[in-house]
Amino acid sequence: ISQKNNVIISLGGGTIVNKDNVSFITQNGKLIYLRVEPEIIYTRIKKKTDRPLFKQFVLAENNKDEFIKKISSMLNEREKYYNQADLVFDVDNSPIGLTVDRLAKLVNRIIHEKNKN
């Protein structure tokens, strides 16, 4: 992947905690943090059993507050790493198409600026 140009790679939330990963990413590209509120994350993953860190909450059901508390705690622990990103993009509850369009414009701007240099 590192041999290709202008690609987008979606990383898991914990990838950024490893300093070697951060170093590699920042040397070879731009790091964009998609910041999402815990409640929105909850809505997106509340039924997904393929997320090991949250599987216990999905299987237990009826524990929305505890689930959101766990998400918030994890985000708070990782915030210092996430804020190292070249760009922080706030994702709200807008329709996904609108969010993708806004993000695509920013990514195109970053690629255009990179190719100018």
Foldseek 3Di string as FASTA:
>chain_A
DLVDPLDDDDDDLCQLVDVVSVVVDVVRHFFEAADEQLVVVCVVCLQPCPPVVCNVNNVVPPPSVVSSVSVVVVCVVCVVSSVVGPYYHYDYPPPPVVSVVVVVVVSVVRSVVVVVD
